[in-house]
């Protein structure tokens, strides 16, 4: 059955958001007297939502509910002000979105990041509104890898799960795709290593965005 839709993860897939996330978290840690972390460490701390990131970034002995909630609120305020300082789309993403849009492929974004910031980033980086739906973390659905939100997006686009490609850069993304019955594709340019993607259920790993097009009919959308 040909694929008719793509659901994208955001961080590490559509956009390199790592340094803005890390900078906001490090400022929060520093203000509260806790040690900070290098960018390469944050590659393995992100992916399960900002509150989880705050928890994992704090020293173990400081992870009380009160400290986590305080630091989460501070980090979220900081990141909301500084979410786009260094964040950029990955090379080739804009061209990929243009081509998929020309071919009438339905597209959506699903992130474990706060819903408001997810929408702001997509609006800022991709103002042409390629996406049928953009959805971040809300109280309505559990975080990925629970497939509930992913299946909701497929339903809203009126696309069967077996017709959906899910493109993401982490174990969480591949587990989400597998649980939802999507075709799991790993973004090899993202935050996590290829081995993690394959071990977590990736059916294919690509290393440049344009490689995703090989999974679709390569004929032009409109024949002369």
Foldseek 3Di string as FASTA:
>chain_A
DAAQAEEEEPDFTFKPQQVLLQVLLCVLCVVVPHHGDDSLVSLVLDAQELLSSNQVGGDVVQNDPVSSVVSSVSSVVSCVVRRVVPMATPPQSVVLLVQCVQLNRAYEYEGQYDFVVQVVVCCVHPVVCSHPYYGYDDPPDHTFPPQPVVLVRCVVVVHQQDNYEYEEAALRSQSNSVVRNHQYEHACSGSDHPVRNVVSHHPYYDDHSVVVCVSHDPDGNDDD
